[in-house]
Amino acid sequence: MLLSPESLSHVVPVTTILFDLDDTLFDHANTARAALATSTAGLPEFQTVDLEALYQQYSEILEEMHLRVLAGEYTHEEARRIRFQRLLAPYGLGTVAAEAAQFAQQHYSH
């Protein structure tokens, strides 16, 4: 539809655009799955682990920790460390904060 010059005087200029960034502009879910697959690929503890189940655990912990960061219980860095410690603990990894931090760093580099 073309606007006439007369109608342009009534058009309000757009000053702000809001986007939903959760999988709208950036495919977070598949990126997180791929990073988990790459991060765990060389670890023997994960050879028989179903990637989708691991991703579901990751997502649930992420959602919980996100709410706790928003509530001011944890900083972003504390929440990240705790998230990876909890994710790795069932597989015998991440019980030491440095181990979880190293895994998180590798995960995010992927």
PDB file of N, CA and C in Angstrom:
ATOM      1  N   MET A   1       0.849  -1.174   0.000  1.00  0.00           N
ATOM      2  CA  MET A   1       0.000   0.000   0.000  1.00  0.00           C
ATOM      3  C   MET A   1       0.889   1.229   0.000  1.00  0.00           C
ATOM      4  N   LEU A   2       0.657   2.123  -0.939  1.00  0.00           N
ATOM      5  CA  LEU A   2       1.407   3.368  -1.005  1.00  0.00           C
ATOM      6  C   LEU A   2       0.652   4.459  -0.263  1.00  0.00           C
ATOM      7  N   LEU A   3       1.411   5.264   0.437  1.00  0.00           N
ATOM      8  CA  LEU A   3       0.803   6.369   1.178  1.00  0.00           C
ATOM      9  C   LEU A   3       0.889   7.634   0.351  1.00  0.00           C
ATOM     10  N   SER A   4      -0.164   8.394   0.406  1.00  0.00           N
ATOM     11  CA  SER A   4      -0.149   9.674  -0.290  1.00  0.00           C
ATOM     12  C   SER A   4       0.609  10.694   0.561  1.00  0.00           C
ATOM     13  N   PRO A   5       1.111  11.757  -0.063  1.00  0.00           N
ATOM     14  CA  PRO A   5       1.822  12.786   0.712  1.00  0.00           C
ATOM     15  C   PRO A   5       0.961  13.366   1.838  1.00  0.00           C
ATOM     16  N   GLU A   6      -0.338  13.461   1.610  1.00  0.00           N
ATOM     17  CA  GLU A   6      -1.233  14.008   2.637  1.00  0.00           C
ATOM     18  C   GLU A   6      -1.306  13.077   3.852  1.00  0.00           C
ATOM     19  N   SER A   7      -1.293  11.776   3.624  1.00  0.00           N
ATOM     20  CA  SER A   7      -1.414  10.819   4.734  1.00  0.00           C
ATOM     21  C   SER A   7      -0.121  10.693   5.530  1.00  0.00           C
ATOM     22  N   LEU A   8       1.010  11.063   4.932  1.00  0.00           N
ATOM     23  CA  LEU A   8       2.288  10.957   5.631  1.00  0.00           C
ATOM     24  C   LEU A   8       2.369  11.885   6.838  1.00  0.00           C
ATOM     25  N   SER A   9       1.633  12.943   6.829  1.00  0.00           N
ATOM     26  CA  SER A   9       1.684  13.872   7.964  1.00  0.00           C
ATOM     27  C   SER A   9       1.061  13.250   9.208  1.00  0.00           C
ATOM     28  N   HIS A  10       0.302  12.172   9.056  1.00  0.00           N
ATOM     29  CA  HIS A  10      -0.351  11.509  10.183  1.00  0.00           C
ATOM     30  C   HIS A  10       0.395  10.249  10.643  1.00  0.00           C
ATOM     31  N   VAL A  11       1.478   9.918   9.970  1.00  0.00           N
ATOM     32  CA  VAL A  11       2.232   8.717  10.316  1.00  0.00           C
ATOM     33  C   VAL A  11       3.171   9.038  11.479  1.00  0.00           C
ATOM     34  N   VAL A  12       3.103   8.211  12.489  1.00  0.00           N
ATOM     35  CA  VAL A  12       3.990   8.373  13.640  1.00  0.00           C
ATOM     36  C   VAL A  12       5.302   7.652  13.326  1.00  0.00           C
ATOM     37  N   PRO A  13       6.424   8.344  13.463  1.00  0.00           N
ATOM     38  CA  PRO A  13       7.693   7.670  13.154  1.00  0.00           C
ATOM     39  C   PRO A  13       7.997   6.567  14.168  1.00  0.00           C
ATOM     40  N   VAL A  14       8.587   5.506  13.671  1.00  0.00           N
ATOM     41  CA  VAL A  14       8.973   4.397  14.528  1.00  0.00           C
ATOM     42  C   VAL A  14      10.260   4.800  15.238  1.00  0.00           C
ATOM     43  N   THR A  15      10.246   4.728  16.565  1.00  0.00           N
ATOM     44  CA  THR A  15      11.438   5.091  17.341  1.00  0.00           C
ATOM     45  C   THR A  15      12.032   3.902  18.069  1.00  0.00           C
ATOM     46  N   THR A  16      11.236   2.842  18.264  1.00  0.00           N
ATOM     47  CA  THR A  16      11.704   1.695  19.022  1.00  0.00           C
ATOM     48  C   THR A  16      11.123   0.421  18.432  1.00  0.00           C
ATOM     49  N   ILE A  17      11.964  -0.608  18.374  1.00  0.00           N
ATOM     50  CA  ILE A  17      11.512  -1.922  17.940  1.00  0.00           C
ATOM     51  C   ILE A  17      11.951  -2.920  19.004  1.00  0.00           C
ATOM     52  N   LEU A  18      11.037  -3.748  19.457  1.00  0.00           N
ATOM     53  CA  LEU A  18      11.353  -4.768  20.449  1.00  0.00           C
ATOM     54  C   LEU A  18      11.311  -6.137  19.787  1.00  0.00           C
ATOM     55  N   PHE A  19      12.245  -6.987  20.163  1.00  0.00           N
ATOM     56  CA  PHE A  19      12.300  -8.343  19.638  1.00  0.00           C
ATOM     57  C   PHE A  19      12.307  -9.337  20.786  1.00  0.00           C
ATOM     58  N   ASP A  20      11.717 -10.478  20.541  1.00  0.00           N
ATOM     59  CA  ASP A  20      11.840 -11.598  21.457  1.00  0.00           C
ATOM     60  C   ASP A  20      13.088 -12.354  21.022  1.00  0.00           C
ATOM     61  N   LEU A  21      14.145 -12.307  21.834  1.00  0.00           N
ATOM     62  CA  LEU A  21      15.417 -12.895  21.430  1.00  0.00           C
ATOM     63  C   LEU A  21      15.522 -14.388  21.702  1.00  0.00           C
ATOM     64  N   ASP A  22      14.588 -14.967  22.425  1.00  0.00           N
ATOM     65  CA  ASP A  22      14.653 -16.395  22.732  1.00  0.00           C
ATOM     66  C   ASP A  22      14.183 -17.214  21.543  1.00  0.00           C
ATOM     67  N   ASP A  23      15.142 -17.577  20.719  1.00  0.00           N
ATOM     68  CA  ASP A  23      14.910 -18.395  19.532  1.00  0.00           C
ATOM     69  C   ASP A  23      14.167 -17.680  18.410  1.00  0.00           C
ATOM     70  N   THR A  24      14.042 -16.364  18.500  1.00  0.00           N
ATOM     71  CA  THR A  24      13.434 -15.624  17.405  1.00  0.00           C
ATOM     72  C   THR A  24      14.504 -15.142  16.443  1.00  0.00           C
ATOM     73  N   LEU A  25      15.480 -14.440  16.966  1.00  0.00           N
ATOM     74  CA  LEU A  25      16.573 -13.951  16.126  1.00  0.00           C
ATOM     75  C   LEU A  25      17.784 -14.870  16.170  1.00  0.00           C
ATOM     76  N   PHE A  26      17.911 -15.586  17.244  1.00  0.00           N
ATOM     77  CA  PHE A  26      19.056 -16.468  17.454  1.00  0.00           C
ATOM     78  C   PHE A  26      18.534 -17.809  17.926  1.00  0.00           C
ATOM     79  N   ASP A  27      18.914 -18.865  17.258  1.00  0.00           N
ATOM     80  CA  ASP A  27      18.435 -20.206  17.594  1.00  0.00           C
ATOM     81  C   ASP A  27      19.202 -20.731  18.804  1.00  0.00           C
ATOM     82  N   HIS A  28      18.782 -20.305  19.976  1.00  0.00           N
ATOM     83  CA  HIS A  28      19.468 -20.661  21.217  1.00  0.00           C
ATOM     84  C   HIS A  28      19.405 -22.160  21.489  1.00  0.00           C
ATOM     85  N   ALA A  29      18.274 -22.776  21.287  1.00  0.00           N
ATOM     86  CA  ALA A  29      18.103 -24.194  21.629  1.00  0.00           C
ATOM     87  C   ALA A  29      19.059 -25.088  20.844  1.00  0.00           C
ATOM     88  N   ASN A  30      19.101 -24.936  19.532  1.00  0.00           N
ATOM     89  CA  ASN A  30      19.988 -25.789  18.738  1.00  0.00           C
ATOM     90  C   ASN A  30      21.453 -25.445  18.958  1.00  0.00           C
ATOM     91  N   THR A  31      21.747 -24.189  19.219  1.00  0.00           N
ATOM     92  CA  THR A  31      23.115 -23.796  19.528  1.00  0.00           C
ATOM     93  C   THR A  31      23.560 -24.425  20.838  1.00  0.00           C
ATOM     94  N   ALA A  32      22.693 -24.412  21.848  1.00  0.00           N
ATOM     95  CA  ALA A  32      23.019 -25.018  23.144  1.00  0.00           C
ATOM     96  C   ALA A  32      23.196 -26.527  22.994  1.00  0.00           C
ATOM     97  N   ARG A  33      22.342 -27.164  22.203  1.00  0.00           N
ATOM     98  CA  ARG A  33      22.485 -28.608  21.964  1.00  0.00           C
ATOM     99  C   ARG A  33      23.834 -28.921  21.308  1.00  0.00           C
ATOM    100  N   ALA A  34      24.170 -28.157  20.291  1.00  0.00           N
ATOM    101  CA  ALA A  34      25.429 -28.382  19.567  1.00  0.00           C
ATOM    102  C   ALA A  34      26.626 -28.148  20.482  1.00  0.00           C
ATOM    103  N   ALA A  35      26.576 -27.113  21.312  1.00  0.00           N
ATOM    104  CA  ALA A  35      27.675 -26.836  22.240  1.00  0.00           C
ATOM    105  C   ALA A  35      27.807 -27.963  23.260  1.00  0.00           C
ATOM    106  N   LEU A  36      26.680 -28.467  23.773  1.00  0.00           N
ATOM    107  CA  LEU A  36      26.738 -29.594  24.713  1.00  0.00           C
ATOM    108  C   LEU A  36      27.320 -30.833  24.043  1.00  0.00           C
ATOM    109  N   ALA A  37      26.914 -31.093  22.830  1.00  0.00           N
ATOM    110  CA  ALA A  37      27.428 -32.265  22.108  1.00  0.00           C
ATOM    111  C   ALA A  37      28.935 -32.162  21.918  1.00  0.00           C
ATOM    112  N   THR A  38      29.406 -30.991  21.544  1.00  0.00           N
ATOM    113  CA  THR A  38      30.834 -30.793  21.322  1.00  0.00           C
ATOM    114  C   THR A  38      31.599 -30.819  22.645  1.00  0.00           C
ATOM    115  N   SER A  39      31.032 -30.213  23.678  1.00  0.00           N
ATOM    116  CA  SER A  39      31.700 -30.133  24.984  1.00  0.00           C
ATOM    117  C   SER A  39      31.842 -31.490  25.649  1.00  0.00           C
ATOM    118  N   THR A  40      30.922 -32.379  25.382  1.00  0.00           N
ATOM    119  CA  THR A  40      30.947 -33.690  26.039  1.00  0.00           C
ATOM    120  C   THR A  40      31.511 -34.796  25.150  1.00  0.00           C
ATOM    121  N   ALA A  41      31.764 -34.488  23.897  1.00  0.00           N
ATOM    122  CA  ALA A  41      32.170 -35.518  22.922  1.00  0.00           C
ATOM    123  C   ALA A  41      33.398 -36.305  23.350  1.00  0.00           C
ATOM    124  N   GLY A  42      34.391 -35.670  23.913  1.00  0.00           N
ATOM    125  CA  GLY A  42      35.616 -36.388  24.265  1.00  0.00           C
ATOM    126  C   GLY A  42      35.652 -36.917  25.683  1.00  0.00           C
ATOM    127  N   LEU A  43      34.570 -36.753  26.412  1.00  0.00           N
ATOM    128  CA  LEU A  43      34.542 -37.188  27.813  1.00  0.00           C
ATOM    129  C   LEU A  43      33.908 -38.569  27.932  1.00  0.00           C
ATOM    130  N   PRO A  44      34.641 -39.537  28.472  1.00  0.00           N
ATOM    131  CA  PRO A  44      34.103 -40.896  28.556  1.00  0.00           C
ATOM    132  C   PRO A  44      32.829 -40.991  29.395  1.00  0.00           C
ATOM    133  N   GLU A  45      32.653 -40.100  30.355  1.00  0.00           N
ATOM    134  CA  GLU A  45      31.464 -40.128  31.215  1.00  0.00           C
ATOM    135  C   GLU A  45      30.175 -39.885  30.424  1.00  0.00           C
ATOM    136  N   PHE A  46      30.296 -39.310  29.235  1.00  0.00           N
ATOM    137  CA  PHE A  46      29.115 -38.942  28.454  1.00  0.00           C
ATOM    138  C   PHE A  46      28.905 -39.803  27.212  1.00  0.00           C
ATOM    139  N   GLN A  47      29.699 -40.835  27.041  1.00  0.00           N
ATOM    140  CA  GLN A  47      29.611 -41.649  25.831  1.00  0.00           C
ATOM    141  C   GLN A  47      28.253 -42.320  25.660  1.00  0.00           C
ATOM    142  N   THR A  48      27.601 -42.680  26.756  1.00  0.00           N
ATOM    143  CA  THR A  48      26.302 -43.352  26.653  1.00  0.00           C
ATOM    144  C   THR A  48      25.140 -42.453  27.054  1.00  0.00           C
ATOM    145  N   VAL A  49      25.415 -41.180  27.258  1.00  0.00           N
ATOM    146  CA  VAL A  49      24.373 -40.241  27.694  1.00  0.00           C
ATOM    147  C   VAL A  49      23.584 -39.750  26.486  1.00  0.00           C
ATOM    148  N   ASP A  50      22.273 -39.787  26.610  1.00  0.00           N
ATOM    149  CA  ASP A  50      21.393 -39.266  25.570  1.00  0.00           C
ATOM    150  C   ASP A  50      21.496 -37.743  25.549  1.00  0.00           C
ATOM    151  N   LEU A  51      21.899 -37.175  24.421  1.00  0.00           N
ATOM    152  CA  LEU A  51      22.108 -35.739  24.307  1.00  0.00           C
ATOM    153  C   LEU A  51      20.830 -34.953  24.599  1.00  0.00           C
ATOM    154  N   GLU A  52      19.699 -35.458  24.150  1.00  0.00           N
ATOM    155  CA  GLU A  52      18.448 -34.732  24.386  1.00  0.00           C
ATOM    156  C   GLU A  52      18.117 -34.687  25.876  1.00  0.00           C
ATOM    157  N   ALA A  53      18.365 -35.779  26.586  1.00  0.00           N
ATOM    158  CA  ALA A  53      18.137 -35.789  28.038  1.00  0.00           C
ATOM    159  C   ALA A  53      19.085 -34.809  28.735  1.00  0.00           C
ATOM    160  N   LEU A  54      20.335 -34.773  28.287  1.00  0.00           N
ATOM    161  CA  LEU A  54      21.293 -33.836  28.861  1.00  0.00           C
ATOM    162  C   LEU A  54      20.865 -32.398  28.598  1.00  0.00           C
ATOM    163  N   TYR A  55      20.409 -32.133  27.379  1.00  0.00           N
ATOM    164  CA  TYR A  55      19.931 -30.783  27.050  1.00  0.00           C
ATOM    165  C   TYR A  55      18.723 -30.405  27.911  1.00  0.00           C
ATOM    166  N   GLN A  56      17.825 -31.342  28.159  1.00  0.00           N
ATOM    167  CA  GLN A  56      16.662 -31.055  29.003  1.00  0.00           C
ATOM    168  C   GLN A  56      17.097 -30.707  30.423  1.00  0.00           C
ATOM    169  N   GLN A  57      18.077 -31.451  30.950  1.00  0.00           N
ATOM    170  CA  GLN A  57      18.619 -31.127  32.276  1.00  0.00           C
ATOM    171  C   GLN A  57      19.217 -29.724  32.262  1.00  0.00           C
ATOM    172  N   TYR A  58      20.024 -29.447  31.246  1.00  0.00           N
ATOM    173  CA  TYR A  58      20.661 -28.142  31.086  1.00  0.00           C
ATOM    174  C   TYR A  58      19.602 -27.029  31.070  1.00  0.00           C
ATOM    175  N   SER A  59      18.556 -27.222  30.286  1.00  0.00           N
ATOM    176  CA  SER A  59      17.504 -26.206  30.149  1.00  0.00           C
ATOM    177  C   SER A  59      16.765 -25.973  31.455  1.00  0.00           C
ATOM    178  N   GLU A  60      16.458 -27.048  32.166  1.00  0.00           N
ATOM    179  CA  GLU A  60      15.742 -26.916  33.439  1.00  0.00           C
ATOM    180  C   GLU A  60      16.589 -26.175  34.471  1.00  0.00           C
ATOM    181  N   ILE A  61      17.862 -26.528  34.550  1.00  0.00           N
ATOM    182  CA  ILE A  61      18.751 -25.852  35.495  1.00  0.00           C
ATOM    183  C   ILE A  61      18.936 -24.394  35.085  1.00  0.00           C
ATOM    184  N   LEU A  62      19.097 -24.149  33.795  1.00  0.00           N
ATOM    185  CA  LEU A  62      19.256 -22.783  33.293  1.00  0.00           C
ATOM    186  C   LEU A  62      18.058 -21.927  33.661  1.00  0.00           C
ATOM    187  N   GLU A  63      16.864 -22.441  33.445  1.00  0.00           N
ATOM    188  CA  GLU A  63      15.642 -21.683  33.756  1.00  0.00           C
ATOM    189  C   GLU A  63      15.550 -21.381  35.248  1.00  0.00           C
ATOM    190  N   GLU A  64      15.838 -22.369  36.078  1.00  0.00           N
ATOM    191  CA  GLU A  64      15.800 -22.156  37.525  1.00  0.00           C
ATOM    192  C   GLU A  64      16.827 -21.102  37.950  1.00  0.00           C
ATOM    193  N   MET A  65      18.034 -21.230  37.451  1.00  0.00           N
ATOM    194  CA  MET A  65      19.086 -20.298  37.843  1.00  0.00           C
ATOM    195  C   MET A  65      18.822 -18.899  37.315  1.00  0.00           C
ATOM    196  N   HIS A  66      18.224 -18.799  36.152  1.00  0.00           N
ATOM    197  CA  HIS A  66      17.877 -17.492  35.594  1.00  0.00           C
ATOM    198  C   HIS A  66      16.935 -16.748  36.542  1.00  0.00           C
ATOM    199  N   LEU A  67      15.939 -17.448  37.035  1.00  0.00           N
ATOM    200  CA  LEU A  67      14.999 -16.831  37.974  1.00  0.00           C
ATOM    201  C   LEU A  67      15.699 -16.405  39.262  1.00  0.00           C
ATOM    202  N   ARG A  68      16.644 -17.191  39.698  1.00  0.00           N
ATOM    203  CA  ARG A  68      17.368 -16.873  40.938  1.00  0.00           C
ATOM    204  C   ARG A  68      18.308 -15.681  40.742  1.00  0.00           C
ATOM    205  N   VAL A  69      18.871 -15.544  39.545  1.00  0.00           N
ATOM    206  CA  VAL A  69      19.680 -14.359  39.246  1.00  0.00           C
ATOM    207  C   VAL A  69      18.783 -13.123  39.239  1.00  0.00           C
ATOM    208  N   LEU A  70      17.631 -13.240  38.601  1.00  0.00           N
ATOM    209  CA  LEU A  70      16.701 -12.110  38.567  1.00  0.00           C
ATOM    210  C   LEU A  70      16.224 -11.711  39.964  1.00  0.00           C
ATOM    211  N   ALA A  71      16.121 -12.695  40.849  1.00  0.00           N
ATOM    212  CA  ALA A  71      15.694 -12.426  42.225  1.00  0.00           C
ATOM    213  C   ALA A  71      16.844 -11.875  43.075  1.00  0.00           C
ATOM    214  N   GLY A  72      18.046 -11.842  42.524  1.00  0.00           N
ATOM    215  CA  GLY A  72      19.192 -11.312  43.252  1.00  0.00           C
ATOM    216  C   GLY A  72      19.881 -12.307  44.164  1.00  0.00           C
ATOM    217  N   GLU A  73      19.522 -13.580  44.061  1.00  0.00           N
ATOM    218  CA  GLU A  73      20.151 -14.598  44.903  1.00  0.00           C
ATOM    219  C   GLU A  73      21.587 -14.877  44.482  1.00  0.00           C
ATOM    220  N   TYR A  74      21.844 -14.807  43.191  1.00  0.00           N
ATOM    221  CA  TYR A  74      23.170 -15.110  42.662  1.00  0.00           C
ATOM    222  C   TYR A  74      23.550 -14.079  41.617  1.00  0.00           C
ATOM    223  N   THR A  75      24.867 -13.898  41.453  1.00  0.00           N
ATOM    224  CA  THR A  75      25.344 -13.129  40.312  1.00  0.00           C
ATOM    225  C   THR A  75      25.285 -14.041  39.093  1.00  0.00           C
ATOM    226  N   HIS A  76      25.463 -13.461  37.939  1.00  0.00           N
ATOM    227  CA  HIS A  76      25.472 -14.249  36.694  1.00  0.00           C
ATOM    228  C   HIS A  76      26.589 -15.298  36.741  1.00  0.00           C
ATOM    229  N   GLU A  77      27.757 -14.908  37.219  1.00  0.00           N
ATOM    230  CA  GLU A  77      28.895 -15.825  37.276  1.00  0.00           C
ATOM    231  C   GLU A  77      28.657 -16.960  38.267  1.00  0.00           C
ATOM    232  N   GLU A  78      28.097 -16.639  39.446  1.00  0.00           N
ATOM    233  CA  GLU A  78      27.798 -17.675  40.436  1.00  0.00           C
ATOM    234  C   GLU A  78      26.783 -18.666  39.881  1.00  0.00           C
ATOM    235  N   ALA A  79      25.764 -18.144  39.228  1.00  0.00           N
ATOM    236  CA  ALA A  79      24.717 -19.002  38.667  1.00  0.00           C
ATOM    237  C   ALA A  79      25.281 -19.920  37.595  1.00  0.00           C
ATOM    238  N   ARG A  80      26.182 -19.405  36.770  1.00  0.00           N
ATOM    239  CA  ARG A  80      26.793 -20.231  35.724  1.00  0.00           C
ATOM    240  C   ARG A  80      27.592 -21.373  36.353  1.00  0.00           C
ATOM    241  N   ARG A  81      28.398 -21.062  37.365  1.00  0.00           N
ATOM    242  CA  ARG A  81      29.207 -22.080  38.030  1.00  0.00           C
ATOM    243  C   ARG A  81      28.315 -23.149  38.655  1.00  0.00           C
ATOM    244  N   ILE A  82      27.299 -22.728  39.374  1.00  0.00           N
ATOM    245  CA  ILE A  82      26.377 -23.663  40.028  1.00  0.00           C
ATOM    246  C   ILE A  82      25.635 -24.503  38.986  1.00  0.00           C
ATOM    247  N   ARG A  83      25.230 -23.871  37.910  1.00  0.00           N
ATOM    248  CA  ARG A  83      24.502 -24.581  36.856  1.00  0.00           C
ATOM    249  C   ARG A  83      25.330 -25.727  36.298  1.00  0.00           C
ATOM    250  N   PHE A  84      26.590 -25.460  35.992  1.00  0.00           N
ATOM    251  CA  PHE A  84      27.423 -26.514  35.430  1.00  0.00           C
ATOM    252  C   PHE A  84      27.824 -27.540  36.478  1.00  0.00           C
ATOM    253  N   GLN A  85      27.988 -27.129  37.723  1.00  0.00           N
ATOM    254  CA  GLN A  85      28.256 -28.121  38.766  1.00  0.00           C
ATOM    255  C   GLN A  85      27.084 -29.094  38.876  1.00  0.00           C
ATOM    256  N   ARG A  86      25.878 -28.563  38.865  1.00  0.00           N
ATOM    257  CA  ARG A  86      24.690 -29.417  38.960  1.00  0.00           C
ATOM    258  C   ARG A  86      24.516 -30.289  37.723  1.00  0.00           C
ATOM    259  N   LEU A  87      24.830 -29.766  36.560  1.00  0.00           N
ATOM    260  CA  LEU A  87      24.698 -30.538  35.333  1.00  0.00           C
ATOM    261  C   LEU A  87      25.698 -31.693  35.294  1.00  0.00           C
ATOM    262  N   LEU A  88      26.899 -31.437  35.747  1.00  0.00           N
ATOM    263  CA  LEU A  88      27.968 -32.424  35.657  1.00  0.00           C
ATOM    264  C   LEU A  88      27.984 -33.430  36.805  1.00  0.00           C
ATOM    265  N   ALA A  89      27.444 -33.059  37.953  1.00  0.00           N
ATOM    266  CA  ALA A  89      27.520 -33.901  39.154  1.00  0.00           C
ATOM    267  C   ALA A  89      27.014 -35.330  38.949  1.00  0.00           C
ATOM    268  N   PRO A  90      25.885 -35.549  38.278  1.00  0.00           N
ATOM    269  CA  PRO A  90      25.425 -36.939  38.105  1.00  0.00           C
ATOM    270  C   PRO A  90      26.391 -37.822  37.311  1.00  0.00           C
ATOM    271  N   TYR A  91      27.339 -37.202  36.631  1.00  0.00           N
ATOM    272  CA  TYR A  91      28.294 -37.939  35.808  1.00  0.00           C
ATOM    273  C   TYR A  91      29.674 -38.000  36.466  1.00  0.00           C
ATOM    274  N   GLY A  92      29.732 -37.602  37.735  1.00  0.00           N
ATOM    275  CA  GLY A  92      30.984 -37.668  38.481  1.00  0.00           C
ATOM    276  C   GLY A  92      31.953 -36.547  38.164  1.00  0.00           C
ATOM    277  N   LEU A  93      31.458 -35.483  37.562  1.00  0.00           N
ATOM    278  CA  LEU A  93      32.299 -34.337  37.207  1.00  0.00           C
ATOM    279  C   LEU A  93      31.731 -33.071  37.846  1.00  0.00           C
ATOM    280  N   GLY A  94      32.539 -32.031  37.870  1.00  0.00           N
ATOM    281  CA  GLY A  94      32.049 -30.722  38.293  1.00  0.00           C
ATOM    282  C   GLY A  94      31.932 -30.509  39.776  1.00  0.00           C
ATOM    283  N   THR A  95      32.355 -31.486  40.575  1.00  0.00           N
ATOM    284  CA  THR A  95      32.233 -31.301  42.024  1.00  0.00           C
ATOM    285  C   THR A  95      33.194 -30.245  42.527  1.00  0.00           C
ATOM    286  N   VAL A  96      34.265 -30.015  41.815  1.00  0.00           N
ATOM    287  CA  VAL A  96      35.205 -28.944  42.131  1.00  0.00           C
ATOM    288  C   VAL A  96      34.825 -27.753  41.264  1.00  0.00           C
ATOM    289  N   ALA A  97      34.726 -26.583  41.886  1.00  0.00           N
ATOM    290  CA  ALA A  97      34.292 -25.384  41.161  1.00  0.00           C
ATOM    291  C   ALA A  97      35.155 -25.127  39.932  1.00  0.00           C
ATOM    292  N   ALA A  98      36.456 -25.333  40.036  1.00  0.00           N
ATOM    293  CA  ALA A  98      37.351 -25.091  38.900  1.00  0.00           C
ATOM    294  C   ALA A  98      37.041 -26.019  37.728  1.00  0.00           C
ATOM    295  N   GLU A  99      36.648 -27.251  38.028  1.00  0.00           N
ATOM    296  CA  GLU A  99      36.308 -28.213  36.976  1.00  0.00           C
ATOM    297  C   GLU A  99      35.050 -27.757  36.229  1.00  0.00           C
ATOM    298  N   ALA A 100      34.063 -27.307  36.985  1.00  0.00           N
ATOM    299  CA  ALA A 100      32.828 -26.804  36.369  1.00  0.00           C
ATOM    300  C   ALA A 100      33.105 -25.537  35.571  1.00  0.00           C
ATOM    301  N   ALA A 101      33.960 -24.672  36.091  1.00  0.00           N
ATOM    302  CA  ALA A 101      34.296 -23.434  35.387  1.00  0.00           C
ATOM    303  C   ALA A 101      35.023 -23.732  34.081  1.00  0.00           C
ATOM    304  N   GLN A 102      35.920 -24.719  34.103  1.00  0.00           N
ATOM    305  CA  GLN A 102      36.638 -25.094  32.890  1.00  0.00           C
ATOM    306  C   GLN A 102      35.678 -25.671  31.848  1.00  0.00           C
ATOM    307  N   PHE A 103      34.758 -26.526  32.285  1.00  0.00           N
ATOM    308  CA  PHE A 103      33.777 -27.087  31.367  1.00  0.00           C
ATOM    309  C   PHE A 103      32.921 -25.974  30.781  1.00  0.00           C
ATOM    310  N   ALA A 104      32.478 -25.036  31.624  1.00  0.00           N
ATOM    311  CA  ALA A 104      31.647 -23.919  31.151  1.00  0.00           C
ATOM    312  C   ALA A 104      32.394 -23.087  30.117  1.00  0.00           C
ATOM    313  N   GLN A 105      33.671 -22.825  30.367  1.00  0.00           N
ATOM    314  CA  GLN A 105      34.463 -22.045  29.423  1.00  0.00           C
ATOM    315  C   GLN A 105      34.563 -22.769  28.078  1.00  0.00           C
ATOM    316  N   GLN A 106      34.822 -24.074  28.116  1.00  0.00           N
ATOM    317  CA  GLN A 106      34.885 -24.853  26.879  1.00  0.00           C
ATOM    318  C   GLN A 106      33.531 -24.860  26.187  1.00  0.00           C
ATOM    319  N   HIS A 107      32.476 -25.034  26.976  1.00  0.00           N
ATOM    320  CA  HIS A 107      31.115 -25.063  26.433  1.00  0.00           C
ATOM    321  C   HIS A 107      30.814 -23.763  25.683  1.00  0.00           C
ATOM    322  N   TYR A 108      31.098 -22.648  26.296  1.00  0.00           N
ATOM    323  CA  TYR A 108      30.778 -21.362  25.666  1.00  0.00           C
ATOM    324  C   TYR A 108      31.712 -21.023  24.520  1.00  0.00           C
ATOM    325  N   SER A 109      32.889 -21.619  24.498  1.00  0.00           N
ATOM    326  CA  SER A 109      33.765 -21.380  23.337  1.00  0.00           C
ATOM    327  C   SER A 109      33.258 -22.121  22.110  1.00  0.00           C
ATOM    328  N   HIS A 110      32.484 -23.192  22.349  1.00  0.00           N
ATOM    329  CA  HIS A 110      31.914 -23.928  21.222  1.00  0.00           C
ATOM    330  C   HIS A 110      30.708 -23.204  20.698  1.00  0.00           C
TER     331      HIS A 110
END
